[in-house]
Amino acid sequence: MPEFFDSLTLLLTLAAFLAGIIDSIAGGGGMITIPALLLAGIAPVEALGTNKLQGLFGSSSATLAYASKGLVNLRENWLDAFASLLGSILGALLATIVPVSIMRTLLPLLLLAIALYFALKPNIDDLDRTRRLGPFLFGVTIVPLIGFYDGLFGPGTGSFFMLAFVALAGYGVLKATAHTKLLNFASNVGAFAAFAAVGVINWKIGIFMGIAQFIGAQIGARLAMRIGARVIKPLLIIVSLALAVRLLLDPTNPLRNLLGF
């Protein structure tokens, strides 16, 4: 095997391919790629930066797949995407100032709440419902806030966007998934730019993983469009629960001490 593509890069590429499939359907791809990068011996900050690089490929791939089927209109939603991008830049720049321990404590609880919402709330399907928050207010509050979180910390961003689109914007599950990938792509761009500016990206690994993410996301998006809520809803619940458990098992999570783990 050529030196530029060793066994470690191959394993990370396979992890990115699987993450691309899952992330394009229900989010949570970082649950696979970030631990994989850390286990490969990549420093935490570099792992976050590299993850944003390879995530760009996956989120752009899924966005293009959904847009090609008319599930998201890029011209109509560019302002929301821009708000998500700005929020993520601010979050990434403030990552060293804001106490991330607060995020580690609250995030598992929030993800459990999201899983319960989608598991227990009836009539969550591909049909649009009544909006609870107008487009303008949604775009200037909820979107940049979640984008900010993605730049600051990241895990569960897709779940938060999904919850916001379904619960507040009244979108059906498939339409919410399509718009989630657009805004997630925008937040990835912003955070990636911030990480690139400080030089904490492994370009070789990030590009190989990105190509695999792009292919995986195409497969996942097409599966989601074919089956819709029947695959998106259960996978979203599973991903949210799995991410919550993984975060609770993290020795650095302050919630472990509070719960007596």
C-alpha atoms as a PDB file:
ATOM      1  CA  MET A   1       0.000   0.000   0.000  1.00  0.00           C
ATOM      2  CA  PRO A   2       1.414   3.455  -0.861  1.00  0.00           C
ATOM      3  CA  GLU A   3       2.954   5.306   2.053  1.00  0.00           C
ATOM      4  CA  PHE A   4       0.512   8.229   1.754  1.00  0.00           C
ATOM      5  CA  PHE A   5      -2.408   5.847   2.389  1.00  0.00           C
ATOM      6  CA  ASP A   6      -1.430   3.649   5.351  1.00  0.00           C
ATOM      7  CA  SER A   7      -3.610   1.275   7.364  1.00  0.00           C
ATOM      8  CA  LEU A   8      -4.498   3.948   9.917  1.00  0.00           C
ATOM      9  CA  THR A   9      -5.768   6.286   7.208  1.00  0.00           C
ATOM     10  CA  LEU A  10      -7.738   3.399   5.727  1.00  0.00           C
ATOM     11  CA  LEU A  11      -9.479   2.691   9.053  1.00  0.00           C
ATOM     12  CA  LEU A  12     -10.301   6.372   9.532  1.00  0.00           C
ATOM     13  CA  THR A  13     -11.629   6.511   5.969  1.00  0.00           C
ATOM     14  CA  LEU A  14     -13.924   3.545   6.629  1.00  0.00           C
ATOM     15  CA  ALA A  15     -15.139   5.222   9.828  1.00  0.00           C
ATOM     16  CA  ALA A  16     -15.901   8.379   7.859  1.00  0.00           C
ATOM     17  CA  PHE A  17     -17.849   6.407   5.240  1.00  0.00           C
ATOM     18  CA  LEU A  18     -20.102   4.902   7.931  1.00  0.00           C
ATOM     19  CA  ALA A  19     -20.428   8.288   9.619  1.00  0.00           C
ATOM     20  CA  GLY A  20     -21.484   9.848   6.318  1.00  0.00           C
ATOM     21  CA  ILE A  21     -24.374   7.398   5.954  1.00  0.00           C
ATOM     22  CA  ILE A  22     -25.627   7.925   9.512  1.00  0.00           C
ATOM     23  CA  ASP A  23     -25.053  11.684   9.597  1.00  0.00           C
ATOM     24  CA  SER A  24     -26.980  12.335   6.367  1.00  0.00           C
ATOM     25  CA  ILE A  25     -30.019  10.579   7.827  1.00  0.00           C
ATOM     26  CA  ALA A  26     -30.091  11.510  11.509  1.00  0.00           C
ATOM     27  CA  GLY A  27     -26.946  13.475  12.351  1.00  0.00           C
ATOM     28  CA  GLY A  28     -24.405  12.270  14.888  1.00  0.00           C
ATOM     29  CA  GLY A  29     -21.616  11.369  12.482  1.00  0.00           C
ATOM     30  CA  GLY A  30     -19.133  13.023  14.821  1.00  0.00           C
ATOM     31  CA  MET A  31     -19.963  10.331  17.367  1.00  0.00           C
ATOM     32  CA  ILE A  32     -17.983   7.985  15.103  1.00  0.00           C
ATOM     33  CA  THR A  33     -15.312  10.213  13.574  1.00  0.00           C
ATOM     34  CA  ILE A  34     -14.129  12.199  16.611  1.00  0.00           C
ATOM     35  CA  PRO A  35     -13.438   9.120  18.798  1.00  0.00           C
ATOM     36  CA  ALA A  36     -11.776   7.462  15.790  1.00  0.00           C
ATOM     37  CA  LEU A  37      -9.471  10.446  15.312  1.00  0.00           C
ATOM     38  CA  LEU A  38      -8.625  10.542  19.025  1.00  0.00           C
ATOM     39  CA  LEU A  39      -7.946   6.792  19.133  1.00  0.00           C
ATOM     40  CA  ALA A  40      -5.599   7.297  16.168  1.00  0.00           C
ATOM     41  CA  GLY A  41      -3.468   9.472  18.427  1.00  0.00           C
ATOM     42  CA  ILE A  42      -4.457  12.835  16.967  1.00  0.00           C
ATOM     43  CA  ALA A  43      -4.454  15.693  19.493  1.00  0.00           C
ATOM     44  CA  PRO A  44      -7.947  16.808  20.626  1.00  0.00           C
ATOM     45  CA  VAL A  45      -7.870  20.264  19.034  1.00  0.00           C
ATOM     46  CA  GLU A  46      -6.465  18.860  15.785  1.00  0.00           C
ATOM     47  CA  ALA A  47      -9.118  16.122  15.876  1.00  0.00           C
ATOM     48  CA  LEU A  48     -11.860  18.760  16.099  1.00  0.00           C
ATOM     49  CA  GLY A  49     -10.382  20.755  13.231  1.00  0.00           C
ATOM     50  CA  THR A  50      -9.867  17.678  11.048  1.00  0.00           C
ATOM     51  CA  ASN A  51     -13.390  16.525  11.844  1.00  0.00           C
ATOM     52  CA  LYS A  52     -14.784  19.818  10.560  1.00  0.00           C
ATOM     53  CA  LEU A  53     -12.814  19.430   7.320  1.00  0.00           C
ATOM     54  CA  GLN A  54     -14.096  15.931   6.593  1.00  0.00           C
ATOM     55  CA  GLY A  55     -17.588  16.893   7.824  1.00  0.00           C
ATOM     56  CA  LEU A  56     -17.736  19.562   5.126  1.00  0.00           C
ATOM     57  CA  PHE A  57     -17.668  16.856   2.463  1.00  0.00           C
ATOM     58  CA  GLY A  58     -20.466  14.856   4.061  1.00  0.00           C
ATOM     59  CA  SER A  59     -22.805  17.744   4.846  1.00  0.00           C
ATOM     60  CA  SER A  60     -22.316  19.275   1.382  1.00  0.00           C
ATOM     61  CA  SER A  61     -22.963  15.897  -0.253  1.00  0.00           C
ATOM     62  CA  ALA A  62     -26.190  15.358   1.684  1.00  0.00           C
ATOM     63  CA  THR A  63     -27.311  18.944   1.032  1.00  0.00           C
ATOM     64  CA  LEU A  64     -26.802  18.558  -2.715  1.00  0.00           C
ATOM     65  CA  ALA A  65     -28.665  15.238  -2.710  1.00  0.00           C
ATOM     66  CA  TYR A  66     -31.666  16.720  -0.893  1.00  0.00           C
ATOM     67  CA  ALA A  67     -31.608  19.911  -2.968  1.00  0.00           C
ATOM     68  CA  SER A  68     -31.594  17.916  -6.216  1.00  0.00           C
ATOM     69  CA  LYS A  69     -34.952  16.443  -5.181  1.00  0.00           C
ATOM     70  CA  GLY A  70     -36.430  19.835  -4.238  1.00  0.00           C
ATOM     71  CA  LEU A  71     -36.469  19.159  -0.475  1.00  0.00           C
ATOM     72  CA  VAL A  72     -34.431  22.275   0.269  1.00  0.00           C
ATOM     73  CA  ASN A  73     -34.189  25.475  -1.777  1.00  0.00           C
ATOM     74  CA  LEU A  74     -30.681  26.901  -1.525  1.00  0.00           C
ATOM     75  CA  ARG A  75     -31.717  30.366  -2.797  1.00  0.00           C
ATOM     76  CA  GLU A  76     -34.577  30.682  -0.303  1.00  0.00           C
ATOM     77  CA  ASN A  77     -32.545  29.480   2.680  1.00  0.00           C
ATOM     78  CA  TRP A  78     -29.210  31.184   2.179  1.00  0.00           C
ATOM     79  CA  LEU A  79     -29.872  33.735   4.944  1.00  0.00           C
ATOM     80  CA  ASP A  80     -30.474  30.958   7.476  1.00  0.00           C
ATOM     81  CA  ALA A  81     -27.298  29.257   6.255  1.00  0.00           C
ATOM     82  CA  PHE A  82     -25.367  32.517   6.654  1.00  0.00           C
ATOM     83  CA  ALA A  83     -26.712  32.948  10.204  1.00  0.00           C
ATOM     84  CA  SER A  84     -25.590  29.411  11.042  1.00  0.00           C
ATOM     85  CA  LEU A  85     -22.145  30.135   9.592  1.00  0.00           C
ATOM     86  CA  LEU A  86     -21.711  33.337  11.597  1.00  0.00           C
ATOM     87  CA  GLY A  87     -22.838  31.620  14.779  1.00  0.00           C
ATOM     88  CA  SER A  88     -20.345  28.788  14.302  1.00  0.00           C
ATOM     89  CA  ILE A  89     -17.446  31.193  13.702  1.00  0.00           C
ATOM     90  CA  LEU A  90     -18.235  32.990  16.948  1.00  0.00           C
ATOM     91  CA  GLY A  91     -18.557  29.682  18.792  1.00  0.00           C
ATOM     92  CA  ALA A  92     -15.223  28.390  17.504  1.00  0.00           C
ATOM     93  CA  LEU A  93     -13.455  31.648  18.372  1.00  0.00           C
ATOM     94  CA  LEU A  94     -14.889  31.601  21.898  1.00  0.00           C
ATOM     95  CA  ALA A  95     -14.202  27.902  22.463  1.00  0.00           C
ATOM     96  CA  THR A  96     -11.234  28.688  24.697  1.00  0.00           C
ATOM     97  CA  ILE A  97     -13.198  31.194  26.802  1.00  0.00           C
ATOM     98  CA  VAL A  98     -16.590  29.586  27.426  1.00  0.00           C
ATOM     99  CA  PRO A  99     -16.463  26.807  30.071  1.00  0.00           C
ATOM    100  CA  VAL A 100     -16.956  23.694  27.965  1.00  0.00           C
ATOM    101  CA  SER A 101     -17.555  21.672  31.151  1.00  0.00           C
ATOM    102  CA  ILE A 102     -21.046  23.175  31.254  1.00  0.00           C
ATOM    103  CA  MET A 103     -21.714  21.768  27.801  1.00  0.00           C
ATOM    104  CA  ARG A 104     -20.438  18.333  28.828  1.00  0.00           C
ATOM    105  CA  THR A 105     -22.765  18.370  31.836  1.00  0.00           C
ATOM    106  CA  LEU A 106     -25.950  19.480  30.088  1.00  0.00           C
ATOM    107  CA  LEU A 107     -25.606  17.839  26.677  1.00  0.00           C
ATOM    108  CA  PRO A 108     -26.439  14.223  27.671  1.00  0.00           C
ATOM    109  CA  LEU A 109     -29.604  15.436  29.386  1.00  0.00           C
ATOM    110  CA  LEU A 110     -30.612  17.496  26.343  1.00  0.00           C
ATOM    111  CA  LEU A 111     -30.001  14.562  23.992  1.00  0.00           C
ATOM    112  CA  LEU A 112     -32.083  12.262  26.200  1.00  0.00           C
ATOM    113  CA  ALA A 113     -34.879  14.846  26.089  1.00  0.00           C
ATOM    114  CA  ILE A 114     -34.687  14.984  22.279  1.00  0.00           C
ATOM    115  CA  ALA A 115     -34.831  11.179  22.044  1.00  0.00           C
ATOM    116  CA  LEU A 116     -37.890  11.103  24.308  1.00  0.00           C
ATOM    117  CA  TYR A 117     -39.574  13.859  22.302  1.00  0.00           C
ATOM    118  CA  PHE A 118     -39.276  11.968  19.028  1.00  0.00           C
ATOM    119  CA  ALA A 119     -40.090   8.619  20.679  1.00  0.00           C
ATOM    120  CA  LEU A 120     -43.199   9.723  22.559  1.00  0.00           C
ATOM    121  CA  LYS A 121     -44.727  12.551  20.522  1.00  0.00           C
ATOM    122  CA  PRO A 122     -47.419  11.240  18.144  1.00  0.00           C
ATOM    123  CA  ASN A 123     -47.881  12.272  14.513  1.00  0.00           C
ATOM    124  CA  ILE A 124     -44.195  12.861  13.783  1.00  0.00           C
ATOM    125  CA  ASP A 125     -44.003  11.995  10.115  1.00  0.00           C
ATOM    126  CA  ASP A 126     -43.138  13.561   6.764  1.00  0.00           C
ATOM    127  CA  LEU A 127     -46.127  15.951   6.785  1.00  0.00           C
ATOM    128  CA  ASP A 128     -45.620  19.632   7.601  1.00  0.00           C
ATOM    129  CA  ARG A 129     -47.406  21.031  10.673  1.00  0.00           C
ATOM    130  CA  THR A 130     -48.276  24.521  11.963  1.00  0.00           C
ATOM    131  CA  ARG A 131     -45.277  26.788  12.547  1.00  0.00           C
ATOM    132  CA  ARG A 132     -44.776  27.916  16.152  1.00  0.00           C
ATOM    133  CA  LEU A 133     -42.059  30.451  15.308  1.00  0.00           C
ATOM    134  CA  GLY A 134     -42.008  32.772  12.288  1.00  0.00           C
ATOM    135  CA  PRO A 135     -39.253  32.383   9.664  1.00  0.00           C
ATOM    136  CA  PHE A 136     -37.515  35.671  10.543  1.00  0.00           C
ATOM    137  CA  LEU A 137     -37.450  35.087  14.316  1.00  0.00           C
ATOM    138  CA  PHE A 138     -36.403  31.482  13.772  1.00  0.00           C
ATOM    139  CA  GLY A 139     -33.551  32.604  11.503  1.00  0.00           C
ATOM    140  CA  VAL A 140     -32.149  35.278  13.828  1.00  0.00           C
ATOM    141  CA  THR A 141     -32.416  33.354  17.116  1.00  0.00           C
ATOM    142  CA  ILE A 142     -32.556  29.564  16.892  1.00  0.00           C
ATOM    143  CA  VAL A 143     -30.347  29.099  13.819  1.00  0.00           C
ATOM    144  CA  PRO A 144     -27.307  31.165  14.934  1.00  0.00           C
ATOM    145  CA  LEU A 145     -27.629  29.782  18.471  1.00  0.00           C
ATOM    146  CA  ILE A 146     -27.305  26.189  17.265  1.00  0.00           C
ATOM    147  CA  GLY A 147     -24.571  27.258  14.829  1.00  0.00           C
ATOM    148  CA  PHE A 148     -22.737  28.838  17.774  1.00  0.00           C
ATOM    149  CA  TYR A 149     -23.000  25.580  19.681  1.00  0.00           C
ATOM    150  CA  ASP A 150     -21.601  23.648  16.711  1.00  0.00           C
ATOM    151  CA  GLY A 151     -18.520  25.848  16.592  1.00  0.00           C
ATOM    152  CA  LEU A 152     -18.080  25.793  20.357  1.00  0.00           C
ATOM    153  CA  PHE A 153     -18.591  22.081  21.037  1.00  0.00           C
ATOM    154  CA  GLY A 154     -20.357  20.209  18.235  1.00  0.00           C
ATOM    155  CA  PRO A 155     -21.819  16.815  19.230  1.00  0.00           C
ATOM    156  CA  GLY A 156     -25.574  16.623  18.729  1.00  0.00           C
ATOM    157  CA  THR A 157     -25.852  19.645  16.424  1.00  0.00           C
ATOM    158  CA  GLY A 158     -27.920  17.694  13.906  1.00  0.00           C
ATOM    159  CA  SER A 159     -30.304  16.551  16.646  1.00  0.00           C
ATOM    160  CA  PHE A 160     -30.804  20.140  17.814  1.00  0.00           C
ATOM    161  CA  PHE A 161     -31.501  21.389  14.294  1.00  0.00           C
ATOM    162  CA  MET A 162     -33.935  18.507  13.740  1.00  0.00           C
ATOM    163  CA  LEU A 163     -35.798  19.284  16.953  1.00  0.00           C
ATOM    164  CA  ALA A 164     -35.997  22.981  16.069  1.00  0.00           C
ATOM    165  CA  PHE A 165     -37.325  22.358  12.566  1.00  0.00           C
ATOM    166  CA  VAL A 166     -39.927  19.807  13.689  1.00  0.00           C
ATOM    167  CA  ALA A 167     -41.069  21.449  16.942  1.00  0.00           C
ATOM    168  CA  LEU A 168     -40.800  25.138  16.017  1.00  0.00           C
ATOM    169  CA  ALA A 169     -40.822  25.411  12.211  1.00  0.00           C
ATOM    170  CA  GLY A 170     -43.463  22.699  11.752  1.00  0.00           C
ATOM    171  CA  TYR A 171     -41.452  20.741   9.174  1.00  0.00           C
ATOM    172  CA  GLY A 172     -42.054  17.087   8.426  1.00  0.00           C
ATOM    173  CA  VAL A 173     -39.195  14.771   9.345  1.00  0.00           C
ATOM    174  CA  LEU A 174     -37.734  14.392   5.836  1.00  0.00           C
ATOM    175  CA  LYS A 175     -37.921  18.127   5.091  1.00  0.00           C
ATOM    176  CA  ALA A 176     -36.382  18.859   8.499  1.00  0.00           C
ATOM    177  CA  THR A 177     -33.520  16.462   7.733  1.00  0.00           C
ATOM    178  CA  ALA A 178     -32.829  18.190   4.410  1.00  0.00           C
ATOM    179  CA  HIS A 179     -32.727  21.663   5.973  1.00  0.00           C
ATOM    180  CA  THR A 180     -30.669  20.373   8.897  1.00  0.00           C
ATOM    181  CA  LYS A 181     -27.923  19.270   6.523  1.00  0.00           C
ATOM    182  CA  LEU A 182     -27.864  22.672   4.802  1.00  0.00           C
ATOM    183  CA  LEU A 183     -27.476  24.570   8.080  1.00  0.00           C
ATOM    184  CA  ASN A 184     -25.045  21.974   9.412  1.00  0.00           C
ATOM    185  CA  PHE A 185     -22.945  22.445   6.273  1.00  0.00           C
ATOM    186  CA  ALA A 186     -22.924  26.206   6.859  1.00  0.00           C
ATOM    187  CA  SER A 187     -21.896  25.807  10.506  1.00  0.00           C
ATOM    188  CA  ASN A 188     -19.162  23.374   9.429  1.00  0.00           C
ATOM    189  CA  VAL A 189     -17.829  26.007   7.008  1.00  0.00           C
ATOM    190  CA  GLY A 190     -17.637  28.623   9.745  1.00  0.00           C
ATOM    191  CA  ALA A 191     -15.991  26.370  12.327  1.00  0.00           C
ATOM    192  CA  PHE A 192     -13.617  24.932   9.716  1.00  0.00           C
ATOM    193  CA  ALA A 193     -12.499  28.437   8.735  1.00  0.00           C
ATOM    194  CA  ALA A 194     -11.750  29.270  12.363  1.00  0.00           C
ATOM    195  CA  PHE A 195      -9.788  26.044  12.949  1.00  0.00           C
ATOM    196  CA  ALA A 196      -7.918  26.431   9.642  1.00  0.00           C
ATOM    197  CA  ALA A 197      -6.918  29.972  10.600  1.00  0.00           C
ATOM    198  CA  VAL A 198      -5.064  28.663  13.653  1.00  0.00           C
ATOM    199  CA  GLY A 199      -3.562  25.709  11.760  1.00  0.00           C
ATOM    200  CA  VAL A 200      -5.005  22.731  13.657  1.00  0.00           C
ATOM    201  CA  ILE A 201      -6.073  20.498  10.753  1.00  0.00           C
ATOM    202  CA  ASN A 202      -4.540  17.264   9.485  1.00  0.00           C
ATOM    203  CA  TRP A 203      -5.147  17.854   5.788  1.00  0.00           C
ATOM    204  CA  LYS A 204      -4.186  14.426   4.470  1.00  0.00           C
ATOM    205  CA  ILE A 205      -6.426  12.459   6.807  1.00  0.00           C
ATOM    206  CA  GLY A 206      -9.187  15.061   6.591  1.00  0.00           C
ATOM    207  CA  ILE A 207      -9.356  14.899   2.791  1.00  0.00           C
ATOM    208  CA  PHE A 208      -9.334  11.091   2.639  1.00  0.00           C
ATOM    209  CA  MET A 209     -12.067  10.953   5.290  1.00  0.00           C
ATOM    210  CA  GLY A 210     -13.945  13.707   3.495  1.00  0.00           C
ATOM    211  CA  ILE A 211     -14.099  11.772   0.225  1.00  0.00           C
ATOM    212  CA  ALA A 212     -15.467   8.763   2.109  1.00  0.00           C
ATOM    213  CA  GLN A 213     -17.965  11.007   3.916  1.00  0.00           C
ATOM    214  CA  PHE A 214     -19.155  12.409   0.597  1.00  0.00           C
ATOM    215  CA  ILE A 215     -19.882   8.941  -0.782  1.00  0.00           C
ATOM    216  CA  GLY A 216     -21.496   7.728   2.441  1.00  0.00           C
ATOM    217  CA  ALA A 217     -23.698  10.806   2.644  1.00  0.00           C
ATOM    218  CA  GLN A 218     -24.989  10.219  -0.873  1.00  0.00           C
ATOM    219  CA  ILE A 219     -26.033   6.700   0.106  1.00  0.00           C
ATOM    220  CA  GLY A 220     -27.621   7.829   3.370  1.00  0.00           C
ATOM    221  CA  ALA A 221     -29.526  10.749   1.822  1.00  0.00           C
ATOM    222  CA  ARG A 222     -30.953   8.566  -0.930  1.00  0.00           C
ATOM    223  CA  LEU A 223     -32.037   5.995   1.660  1.00  0.00           C
ATOM    224  CA  ALA A 224     -33.715   8.717   3.728  1.00  0.00           C
ATOM    225  CA  MET A 225     -35.557  10.081   0.699  1.00  0.00           C
ATOM    226  CA  ARG A 226     -36.724   6.601  -0.265  1.00  0.00           C
ATOM    227  CA  ILE A 227     -38.030   5.582   3.175  1.00  0.00           C
ATOM    228  CA  GLY A 228     -38.558   8.936   4.925  1.00  0.00           C
ATOM    229  CA  ALA A 229     -39.672   9.126   8.545  1.00  0.00           C
ATOM    230  CA  ARG A 230     -39.709   5.347   8.885  1.00  0.00           C
ATOM    231  CA  VAL A 231     -35.905   5.323   8.911  1.00  0.00           C
ATOM    232  CA  ILE A 232     -35.130   8.882  10.049  1.00  0.00           C
ATOM    233  CA  LYS A 233     -37.179   8.892  13.264  1.00  0.00           C
ATOM    234  CA  PRO A 234     -35.884   5.631  14.800  1.00  0.00           C
ATOM    235  CA  LEU A 235     -32.304   6.339  13.745  1.00  0.00           C
ATOM    236  CA  LEU A 236     -32.496   9.842  15.228  1.00  0.00           C
ATOM    237  CA  ILE A 237     -33.687   8.367  18.535  1.00  0.00           C
ATOM    238  CA  ILE A 238     -30.927   5.732  18.524  1.00  0.00           C
ATOM    239  CA  VAL A 239     -28.208   8.260  17.621  1.00  0.00           C
ATOM    240  CA  SER A 240     -29.338  10.725  20.315  1.00  0.00           C
ATOM    241  CA  LEU A 241     -29.403   7.997  22.981  1.00  0.00           C
ATOM    242  CA  ALA A 242     -26.046   6.560  21.872  1.00  0.00           C
ATOM    243  CA  LEU A 243     -24.398   9.989  21.911  1.00  0.00           C
ATOM    244  CA  ALA A 244     -25.852  10.736  25.366  1.00  0.00           C
ATOM    245  CA  VAL A 245     -24.497   7.435  26.721  1.00  0.00           C
ATOM    246  CA  ARG A 246     -21.076   7.996  25.176  1.00  0.00           C
ATOM    247  CA  LEU A 247     -20.853  11.453  26.733  1.00  0.00           C
ATOM    248  CA  LEU A 248     -21.945  10.106  30.126  1.00  0.00           C
ATOM    249  CA  LEU A 249     -19.200   7.463  29.943  1.00  0.00           C
ATOM    250  CA  ASP A 250     -16.569  10.128  29.268  1.00  0.00           C
ATOM    251  CA  PRO A 251     -14.410  10.340  32.438  1.00  0.00           C
ATOM    252  CA  THR A 252     -14.177  14.130  32.009  1.00  0.00           C
ATOM    253  CA  ASN A 253     -17.953  14.611  32.156  1.00  0.00           C
ATOM    254  CA  PRO A 254     -18.838  16.341  35.479  1.00  0.00           C
ATOM    255  CA  LEU A 255     -22.276  14.719  35.390  1.00  0.00           C
ATOM    256  CA  ARG A 256     -20.658  11.361  36.224  1.00  0.00           C
ATOM    257  CA  ASN A 257     -19.695  12.640  39.670  1.00  0.00           C
ATOM    258  CA  LEU A 258     -23.110  14.177  40.247  1.00  0.00           C
ATOM    259  CA  LEU A 259     -24.798  10.845  39.454  1.00  0.00           C
ATOM    260  CA  GLY A 260     -22.259   8.859  41.458  1.00  0.00           C
ATOM    261  CA  PHE A 261     -20.790   6.913  38.511  1.00  0.00           C
END
